[in-house]
C-alpha atoms as a PDB file:
ATOM      1  CA  UNK A   1      33.552 -70.958   4.670  1.00  0.00           C
ATOM      2  CA  UNK A   2      30.159 -72.582   5.097  1.00  0.00           C
ATOM      3  CA  UNK A   3      27.072 -71.435   3.219  1.00  0.00           C
ATOM      4  CA  UNK A   4      24.857 -68.957   5.052  1.00  0.00           C
ATOM      5  CA  UNK A   5      21.673 -70.232   3.371  1.00  0.00           C
ATOM      6  CA  UNK A   6      20.901 -73.723   2.101  1.00  0.00           C
ATOM      7  CA  UNK A   7      20.559 -74.237  -1.651  1.00  0.00           C
ATOM      8  CA  UNK A   8      16.898 -75.138  -1.227  1.00  0.00           C
ATOM      9  CA  UNK A   9      16.312 -71.875   0.676  1.00  0.00           C
ATOM     10  CA  UNK A  10      17.750 -69.914  -2.240  1.00  0.00           C
ATOM     11  CA  UNK A  11      15.348 -71.805  -4.530  1.00  0.00           C
ATOM     12  CA  UNK A  12      12.452 -70.533  -2.378  1.00  0.00           C
ATOM     13  CA  UNK A  13      13.759 -66.971  -2.729  1.00  0.00           C
ATOM     14  CA  UNK A  14      14.114 -67.472  -6.485  1.00  0.00           C
ATOM     15  CA  UNK A  15      10.507 -68.713  -6.671  1.00  0.00           C
ATOM     16  CA  UNK A  16       9.292 -65.617  -4.766  1.00  0.00           C
ATOM     17  CA  UNK A  17      11.271 -63.311  -7.079  1.00  0.00           C
ATOM     18  CA  UNK A  18       9.730 -64.930 -10.167  1.00  0.00           C
ATOM     19  CA  UNK A  19       6.247 -64.543  -8.668  1.00  0.00           C
ATOM     20  CA  UNK A  20       6.967 -60.851  -7.965  1.00  0.00           C
ATOM     21  CA  UNK A  21       8.090 -60.286 -11.525  1.00  0.00           C
ATOM     22  CA  UNK A  22       4.992 -62.047 -12.829  1.00  0.00           C
ATOM     23  CA  UNK A  23       2.842 -59.881 -10.523  1.00  0.00           C
ATOM     24  CA  UNK A  24       1.274 -62.689  -8.473  1.00  0.00           C
ATOM     25  CA  UNK A  25       3.267 -62.361  -5.224  1.00  0.00           C
ATOM     26  CA  UNK A  26       1.154 -60.967  -2.405  1.00  0.00           C
ATOM     27  CA  UNK A  27       2.043 -59.874   1.104  1.00  0.00           C
ATOM     28  CA  UNK A  28       0.747 -61.549   4.253  1.00  0.00           C
ATOM     29  CA  UNK A  29      -2.163 -59.882   6.002  1.00  0.00           C
ATOM     30  CA  UNK A  30      -3.151 -57.175   3.562  1.00  0.00           C
ATOM     31  CA  UNK A  31      -2.833 -59.344   0.468  1.00  0.00           C
ATOM     32  CA  UNK A  32      -1.470 -56.427  -1.563  1.00  0.00           C
ATOM     33  CA  UNK A  33       0.808 -57.067  -4.529  1.00  0.00           C
ATOM     34  CA  UNK A  34       4.490 -56.952  -3.665  1.00  0.00           C
ATOM     35  CA  UNK A  35       6.489 -54.509  -5.780  1.00  0.00           C
ATOM     36  CA  UNK A  36       9.650 -54.230  -3.709  1.00  0.00           C
ATOM     37  CA  UNK A  37      12.582 -56.521  -4.481  1.00  0.00           C
ATOM     38  CA  UNK A  38      13.663 -56.569  -0.824  1.00  0.00           C
ATOM     39  CA  UNK A  39      10.189 -57.530   0.328  1.00  0.00           C
ATOM     40  CA  UNK A  40      10.090 -60.417  -2.179  1.00  0.00           C
ATOM     41  CA  UNK A  41      13.397 -61.722  -0.817  1.00  0.00           C
ATOM     42  CA  UNK A  42      12.081 -61.448   2.753  1.00  0.00           C
ATOM     43  CA  UNK A  43       8.951 -63.427   1.834  1.00  0.00           C
ATOM     44  CA  UNK A  44      11.062 -66.137   0.174  1.00  0.00           C
ATOM     45  CA  UNK A  45      13.301 -66.428   3.236  1.00  0.00           C
ATOM     46  CA  UNK A  46      10.393 -66.564   5.662  1.00  0.00           C
ATOM     47  CA  UNK A  47       8.795 -69.362   3.599  1.00  0.00           C
ATOM     48  CA  UNK A  48      12.099 -71.262   3.748  1.00  0.00           C
ATOM     49  CA  UNK A  49      12.238 -70.710   7.529  1.00  0.00           C
ATOM     50  CA  UNK A  50       8.731 -72.146   7.924  1.00  0.00           C
ATOM     51  CA  UNK A  51       9.790 -75.247   5.986  1.00  0.00           C
ATOM     52  CA  UNK A  52      12.741 -75.686   8.385  1.00  0.00           C
ATOM     53  CA  UNK A  53      15.538 -74.964   5.904  1.00  0.00           C
ATOM     54  CA  UNK A  54      18.925 -73.524   6.849  1.00  0.00           C
ATOM     55  CA  UNK A  55      18.328 -69.782   7.045  1.00  0.00           C
ATOM     56  CA  UNK A  56      19.806 -67.402   9.656  1.00  0.00           C
ATOM     57  CA  UNK A  57      17.467 -65.916  12.249  1.00  0.00           C
ATOM     58  CA  UNK A  58      15.707 -62.637  11.551  1.00  0.00           C
ATOM     59  CA  UNK A  59      17.423 -59.500  12.788  1.00  0.00           C
ATOM     60  CA  UNK A  60      15.367 -57.207  14.993  1.00  0.00           C
ATOM     61  CA  UNK A  61      13.469 -54.762  12.846  1.00  0.00           C
ATOM     62  CA  UNK A  62      12.003 -51.400  13.685  1.00  0.00           C
ATOM     63  CA  UNK A  63       9.867 -51.228  16.775  1.00  0.00           C
ATOM     64  CA  UNK A  64       6.356 -49.904  16.529  1.00  0.00           C
ATOM     65  CA  UNK A  65       5.087 -47.326  18.950  1.00  0.00           C
ATOM     66  CA  UNK A  66       4.632 -43.659  19.432  1.00  0.00           C
ATOM     67  CA  UNK A  67       7.068 -41.082  20.574  1.00  0.00           C
ATOM     68  CA  UNK A  68       8.159 -40.945  24.179  1.00  0.00           C
ATOM     69  CA  UNK A  69       6.487 -38.242  26.212  1.00  0.00           C
ATOM     70  CA  UNK A  70       8.625 -35.646  27.904  1.00  0.00           C
ATOM     71  CA  UNK A  71       7.825 -35.057  31.530  1.00  0.00           C
END
């Protein structure tokens, strides 16, 4: 079976994980320190995507918005 991610993409994830452990990885807009392991992986994968490496497309996340009003 073929690889889901390229080897170079996994290197980007590894780099993000090391930065998180060191305490220098920061999130996008807010610039807060990343503490979550899952968030560090997501940042590494998105960086790999931007560089054009073989990474599957993002799955649809939660949708923002308020509750639906009852009529």
